[in-house]
Amino acid sequence: MDAVKDELARDYHSALVDEVRANDYRHEAGRMTIHLAREFGFCYGVDRAVDYAYQARKRFQGQRVYLTGEIIHNPHVNEKLRSSGIRFLSDPGEPTPPLGPGDVVIIPAFGVTVTELARLQGLGCTLVDTTCGSVLNVWKNVLRYARDGYTSVIHGKVRHAETQATASQAL
């Protein structure tokens, strides 16, 4: 984590936000007052996922590093990762060379389906799993409910990575 701490701070730290927080989450400019939410920024799971992606790029220099899809729902973060050389397997038109033992694949904060995880493991890729702990907890419960004969109802978009990954836990 120390290896990428400065880079993360440079990309995601804001002196203005620090100033607003220090001023009781208020910023006044002329007749305008801006109130900043006290709960502002990335949650722990997102912080961890982004940190792991930066670490993976640094640790596996000289190797192809891929993300299965967006690491989080934030275009700025995803573009920063692309500009660092991380390729997204989900990008339209992205030529997907055969993945193998020399490749690194980052699993996003939403996770991947059970089938996709097994496929990646079978290819021998180095996996960097950034799946959020809260997502993993939901999966654990879905799996437990399925084993007990219950059906989980997942409220989400059917094509969303997290919805698909969660549903795959019960199958």
C-alpha atoms as a PDB file:
ATOM      1  CA  MET A   1       0.000   0.000   0.000  1.00  0.00           C
ATOM      2  CA  ASP A   2       2.848   2.395   0.790  1.00  0.00           C
ATOM      3  CA  ALA A   3       4.143   1.960  -2.771  1.00  0.00           C
ATOM      4  CA  VAL A   4       1.039   3.595  -4.260  1.00  0.00           C
ATOM      5  CA  LYS A   5      -0.013   5.876  -1.391  1.00  0.00           C
ATOM      6  CA  ASP A   6       1.367   9.053  -2.993  1.00  0.00           C
ATOM      7  CA  GLU A   7      -0.103   8.227  -6.397  1.00  0.00           C
ATOM      8  CA  LEU A   8      -3.553   7.596  -4.894  1.00  0.00           C
ATOM      9  CA  ALA A   9      -3.374  10.837  -2.932  1.00  0.00           C
ATOM     10  CA  ARG A  10      -2.342  12.760  -6.046  1.00  0.00           C
ATOM     11  CA  ASP A  11      -5.199  11.271  -8.109  1.00  0.00           C
ATOM     12  CA  TYR A  12      -7.985  11.427  -5.517  1.00  0.00           C
ATOM     13  CA  HIS A  13      -7.048  13.935  -2.815  1.00  0.00           C
ATOM     14  CA  SER A  14      -8.490  17.447  -2.830  1.00  0.00           C
ATOM     15  CA  ALA A  15      -7.202  20.368  -0.796  1.00  0.00           C
ATOM     16  CA  LEU A  16     -10.551  22.103  -1.373  1.00  0.00           C
ATOM     17  CA  VAL A  17     -12.467  19.179   0.147  1.00  0.00           C
ATOM     18  CA  ASP A  18     -10.087  19.218   3.144  1.00  0.00           C
ATOM     19  CA  GLU A  19     -10.758  22.946   3.552  1.00  0.00           C
ATOM     20  CA  VAL A  20     -14.539  22.462   3.365  1.00  0.00           C
ATOM     21  CA  ARG A  21     -14.396  19.643   5.908  1.00  0.00           C
ATOM     22  CA  ALA A  22     -12.312  21.808   8.253  1.00  0.00           C
ATOM     23  CA  ASN A  23     -14.932  24.561   7.928  1.00  0.00           C
ATOM     24  CA  ASP A  24     -17.763  22.362   9.291  1.00  0.00           C
ATOM     25  CA  TYR A  25     -18.480  20.999   5.784  1.00  0.00           C
ATOM     26  CA  ARG A  26     -19.384  24.443   4.437  1.00  0.00           C
ATOM     27  CA  HIS A  27     -17.834  26.602   1.747  1.00  0.00           C
ATOM     28  CA  GLU A  28     -18.996  30.171   1.214  1.00  0.00           C
ATOM     29  CA  ALA A  29     -18.313  32.092  -1.970  1.00  0.00           C
ATOM     30  CA  GLY A  30     -20.145  35.401  -2.196  1.00  0.00           C
ATOM     31  CA  ARG A  31     -23.878  34.778  -1.833  1.00  0.00           C
ATOM     32  CA  MET A  32     -23.455  31.056  -2.380  1.00  0.00           C
ATOM     33  CA  THR A  33     -22.987  28.505   0.401  1.00  0.00           C
ATOM     34  CA  ILE A  34     -22.049  24.941  -0.461  1.00  0.00           C
ATOM     35  CA  HIS A  35     -22.733  22.193   2.061  1.00  0.00           C
ATOM     36  CA  LEU A  36     -20.671  19.030   1.689  1.00  0.00           C
ATOM     37  CA  ALA A  37     -22.192  15.776   2.890  1.00  0.00           C
ATOM     38  CA  ARG A  38     -20.395  14.456   5.953  1.00  0.00           C
ATOM     39  CA  GLU A  39     -20.349  11.017   4.396  1.00  0.00           C
ATOM     40  CA  PHE A  40     -18.420  11.896   1.275  1.00  0.00           C
ATOM     41  CA  GLY A  41     -15.995   9.916  -0.849  1.00  0.00           C
ATOM     42  CA  PHE A  42     -15.337   6.264  -1.447  1.00  0.00           C
ATOM     43  CA  CYS A  43     -16.544   3.579   0.946  1.00  0.00           C
ATOM     44  CA  TYR A  44     -14.028   1.128   2.375  1.00  0.00           C
ATOM     45  CA  GLY A  45     -14.674  -1.497  -0.318  1.00  0.00           C
ATOM     46  CA  VAL A  46     -14.110   0.977  -3.145  1.00  0.00           C
ATOM     47  CA  ASP A  47     -10.992   2.418  -1.493  1.00  0.00           C
ATOM     48  CA  ARG A  48      -9.605  -1.100  -1.180  1.00  0.00           C
ATOM     49  CA  ALA A  49     -10.474  -2.072  -4.777  1.00  0.00           C
ATOM     50  CA  VAL A  50      -8.859   1.028  -6.262  1.00  0.00           C
ATOM     51  CA  ASP A  51      -5.810   0.633  -4.024  1.00  0.00           C
ATOM     52  CA  TYR A  52      -5.377  -3.018  -5.092  1.00  0.00           C
ATOM     53  CA  ALA A  53      -5.659  -2.061  -8.787  1.00  0.00           C
ATOM     54  CA  TYR A  54      -2.923   0.572  -8.419  1.00  0.00           C
ATOM     55  CA  GLN A  55      -0.778  -1.911  -6.508  1.00  0.00           C
ATOM     56  CA  ALA A  56      -1.298  -4.589  -9.163  1.00  0.00           C
ATOM     57  CA  ARG A  57      -0.195  -2.250 -11.957  1.00  0.00           C
ATOM     58  CA  LYS A  58       2.949  -1.383 -10.006  1.00  0.00           C
ATOM     59  CA  ARG A  59       3.758  -4.909  -8.811  1.00  0.00           C
ATOM     60  CA  PHE A  60       3.218  -6.648 -12.147  1.00  0.00           C
ATOM     61  CA  GLN A  61       5.127  -4.226 -14.379  1.00  0.00           C
ATOM     62  CA  GLY A  62       5.992  -5.814 -17.686  1.00  0.00           C
ATOM     63  CA  GLN A  63       3.004  -8.149 -17.533  1.00  0.00           C
ATOM     64  CA  ARG A  64      -0.384  -7.696 -19.156  1.00  0.00           C
ATOM     65  CA  VAL A  65      -2.860  -6.522 -16.531  1.00  0.00           C
ATOM     66  CA  TYR A  66      -6.582  -6.719 -17.191  1.00  0.00           C
ATOM     67  CA  LEU A  67      -9.776  -5.843 -15.378  1.00  0.00           C
ATOM     68  CA  THR A  68     -12.811  -8.015 -16.085  1.00  0.00           C
ATOM     69  CA  GLY A  69     -14.906  -4.822 -16.212  1.00  0.00           C
ATOM     70  CA  GLU A  70     -15.219  -1.473 -14.478  1.00  0.00           C
ATOM     71  CA  ILE A  71     -13.591  -1.664 -11.069  1.00  0.00           C
ATOM     72  CA  ILE A  72     -16.272   0.656  -9.628  1.00  0.00           C
ATOM     73  CA  HIS A  73     -19.016   2.890 -11.034  1.00  0.00           C
ATOM     74  CA  ASN A  74     -16.833   5.924 -11.552  1.00  0.00           C
ATOM     75  CA  PRO A  75     -15.713   6.924 -15.055  1.00  0.00           C
ATOM     76  CA  HIS A  76     -12.796   9.005 -13.717  1.00  0.00           C
ATOM     77  CA  VAL A  77     -11.343   6.098 -11.763  1.00  0.00           C
ATOM     78  CA  ASN A  78     -11.805   3.681 -14.662  1.00  0.00           C
ATOM     79  CA  GLU A  79     -10.121   6.085 -17.102  1.00  0.00           C
ATOM     80  CA  LYS A  80      -7.171   6.552 -14.715  1.00  0.00           C
ATOM     81  CA  LEU A  81      -6.738   2.781 -14.667  1.00  0.00           C
ATOM     82  CA  ARG A  82      -6.936   2.573 -18.467  1.00  0.00           C
ATOM     83  CA  SER A  83      -4.361   5.347 -18.796  1.00  0.00           C
ATOM     84  CA  SER A  84      -2.042   3.412 -16.484  1.00  0.00           C
ATOM     85  CA  GLY A  85      -2.053   0.544 -18.973  1.00  0.00           C
ATOM     86  CA  ILE A  86      -4.698  -1.685 -17.420  1.00  0.00           C
ATOM     87  CA  ARG A  87      -6.917  -3.121 -20.146  1.00  0.00           C
ATOM     88  CA  PHE A  88     -10.605  -3.846 -19.666  1.00  0.00           C
ATOM     89  CA  LEU A  89     -11.818  -7.182 -21.010  1.00  0.00           C
ATOM     90  CA  SER A  90     -15.326  -5.704 -21.172  1.00  0.00           C
ATOM     91  CA  ASP A  91     -14.396  -2.806 -23.494  1.00  0.00           C
ATOM     92  CA  PRO A  92     -16.101  -3.022 -26.893  1.00  0.00           C
ATOM     93  CA  GLY A  93     -13.618  -3.847 -29.589  1.00  0.00           C
ATOM     94  CA  GLU A  94     -10.956  -4.812 -27.071  1.00  0.00           C
ATOM     95  CA  PRO A  95      -9.029  -7.583 -28.750  1.00  0.00           C
ATOM     96  CA  THR A  96      -8.807 -10.320 -26.200  1.00  0.00           C
ATOM     97  CA  PRO A  97      -5.634 -12.290 -26.646  1.00  0.00           C
ATOM     98  CA  PRO A  98      -5.659 -15.683 -25.022  1.00  0.00           C
ATOM     99  CA  LEU A  99      -5.178 -15.239 -21.309  1.00  0.00           C
ATOM    100  CA  GLY A 100      -2.683 -17.434 -19.555  1.00  0.00           C
ATOM    101  CA  PRO A 101      -0.301 -17.868 -16.633  1.00  0.00           C
ATOM    102  CA  GLY A 102       1.683 -14.737 -17.495  1.00  0.00           C
ATOM    103  CA  ASP A 103      -1.370 -12.498 -17.284  1.00  0.00           C
ATOM    104  CA  VAL A 104      -2.840 -10.672 -14.310  1.00  0.00           C
ATOM    105  CA  VAL A 105      -6.605 -10.259 -14.044  1.00  0.00           C
ATOM    106  CA  ILE A 106      -8.158  -7.905 -11.520  1.00  0.00           C
ATOM    107  CA  ILE A 107     -11.609  -8.848 -10.297  1.00  0.00           C
ATOM    108  CA  PRO A 108     -13.641  -5.676  -9.649  1.00  0.00           C
ATOM    109  CA  ALA A 109     -15.318  -4.598  -6.432  1.00  0.00           C
ATOM    110  CA  PHE A 110     -18.599  -6.155  -7.670  1.00  0.00           C
ATOM    111  CA  GLY A 111     -16.968  -9.560  -8.139  1.00  0.00           C
ATOM    112  CA  VAL A 112     -17.516 -11.963 -11.008  1.00  0.00           C
ATOM    113  CA  THR A 113     -19.786 -14.950 -11.543  1.00  0.00           C
ATOM    114  CA  VAL A 114     -18.819 -18.341 -10.187  1.00  0.00           C
ATOM    115  CA  THR A 115     -18.372 -19.529 -13.794  1.00  0.00           C
ATOM    116  CA  GLU A 116     -16.109 -16.613 -14.731  1.00  0.00           C
ATOM    117  CA  LEU A 117     -13.968 -17.108 -11.633  1.00  0.00           C
ATOM    118  CA  ALA A 118     -13.556 -20.821 -12.421  1.00  0.00           C
ATOM    119  CA  ARG A 119     -12.670 -19.981 -16.037  1.00  0.00           C
ATOM    120  CA  LEU A 120      -9.984 -17.485 -14.982  1.00  0.00           C
ATOM    121  CA  GLN A 121      -8.570 -19.892 -12.411  1.00  0.00           C
ATOM    122  CA  GLY A 122      -8.467 -22.625 -15.084  1.00  0.00           C
ATOM    123  CA  LEU A 123      -6.433 -20.374 -17.390  1.00  0.00           C
ATOM    124  CA  GLY A 124      -3.777 -20.024 -14.696  1.00  0.00           C
ATOM    125  CA  CYS A 125      -3.943 -16.219 -14.566  1.00  0.00           C
ATOM    126  CA  THR A 126      -2.736 -14.412 -11.482  1.00  0.00           C
ATOM    127  CA  LEU A 127      -5.942 -13.103  -9.919  1.00  0.00           C
ATOM    128  CA  VAL A 128      -6.166  -9.930  -7.856  1.00  0.00           C
ATOM    129  CA  ASP A 129      -9.546 -10.152  -6.163  1.00  0.00           C
ATOM    130  CA  THR A 130     -10.874  -6.749  -5.114  1.00  0.00           C
ATOM    131  CA  THR A 131     -14.418  -7.974  -4.409  1.00  0.00           C
ATOM    132  CA  CYS A 132     -15.911  -5.804  -1.685  1.00  0.00           C
ATOM    133  CA  GLY A 133     -16.379  -7.453   1.705  1.00  0.00           C
ATOM    134  CA  SER A 134     -20.004  -6.303   1.813  1.00  0.00           C
ATOM    135  CA  VAL A 135     -20.627  -7.983  -1.554  1.00  0.00           C
ATOM    136  CA  LEU A 136     -19.005 -11.174  -0.259  1.00  0.00           C
ATOM    137  CA  ASN A 137     -21.302 -11.057   2.764  1.00  0.00           C
ATOM    138  CA  VAL A 138     -24.373 -10.826   0.511  1.00  0.00           C
ATOM    139  CA  TRP A 139     -23.067 -13.801  -1.483  1.00  0.00           C
ATOM    140  CA  LYS A 140     -22.584 -15.812   1.693  1.00  0.00           C
ATOM    141  CA  ASN A 141     -26.190 -15.177   2.677  1.00  0.00           C
ATOM    142  CA  VAL A 142     -27.572 -15.942  -0.803  1.00  0.00           C
ATOM    143  CA  LEU A 143     -25.674 -19.234  -0.823  1.00  0.00           C
ATOM    144  CA  ARG A 144     -26.846 -20.115   2.688  1.00  0.00           C
ATOM    145  CA  TYR A 145     -30.463 -19.310   1.831  1.00  0.00           C
ATOM    146  CA  ALA A 146     -30.242 -21.396  -1.355  1.00  0.00           C
ATOM    147  CA  ARG A 147     -28.878 -24.357   0.623  1.00  0.00           C
ATOM    148  CA  ASP A 148     -31.767 -23.985   3.070  1.00  0.00           C
ATOM    149  CA  GLY A 149     -34.269 -24.086   0.195  1.00  0.00           C
ATOM    150  CA  TYR A 150     -35.084 -20.382   0.047  1.00  0.00           C
ATOM    151  CA  THR A 151     -35.151 -18.189  -3.016  1.00  0.00           C
ATOM    152  CA  SER A 152     -33.358 -14.857  -2.825  1.00  0.00           C
ATOM    153  CA  VAL A 153     -34.865 -11.951  -4.702  1.00  0.00           C
ATOM    154  CA  ILE A 154     -32.165  -9.711  -6.107  1.00  0.00           C
ATOM    155  CA  HIS A 155     -33.211  -6.157  -6.808  1.00  0.00           C
ATOM    156  CA  GLY A 156     -30.932  -4.967  -9.558  1.00  0.00           C
ATOM    157  CA  LYS A 157     -30.335  -4.691 -13.272  1.00  0.00           C
ATOM    158  CA  VAL A 158     -30.131  -8.131 -14.818  1.00  0.00           C
ATOM    159  CA  ARG A 159     -27.018  -7.307 -16.873  1.00  0.00           C
ATOM    160  CA  HIS A 160     -25.178  -5.602 -14.019  1.00  0.00           C
ATOM    161  CA  ALA A 161     -21.970  -7.392 -12.997  1.00  0.00           C
ATOM    162  CA  GLU A 162     -22.878  -7.460  -9.303  1.00  0.00           C
ATOM    163  CA  THR A 163     -26.386  -8.780  -9.985  1.00  0.00           C
ATOM    164  CA  GLN A 164     -25.034 -11.563 -12.189  1.00  0.00           C
ATOM    165  CA  ALA A 165     -22.283 -12.437  -9.733  1.00  0.00           C
ATOM    166  CA  THR A 166     -24.735 -12.528  -6.830  1.00  0.00           C
ATOM    167  CA  ALA A 167     -27.262 -14.650  -8.734  1.00  0.00           C
ATOM    168  CA  SER A 168     -24.524 -17.117  -9.702  1.00  0.00           C
ATOM    169  CA  GLN A 169     -23.927 -17.847  -6.025  1.00  0.00           C
ATOM    170  CA  ALA A 170     -27.363 -19.488  -5.732  1.00  0.00           C
ATOM    171  CA  LEU A 171     -27.049 -21.631  -8.847  1.00  0.00           C
END
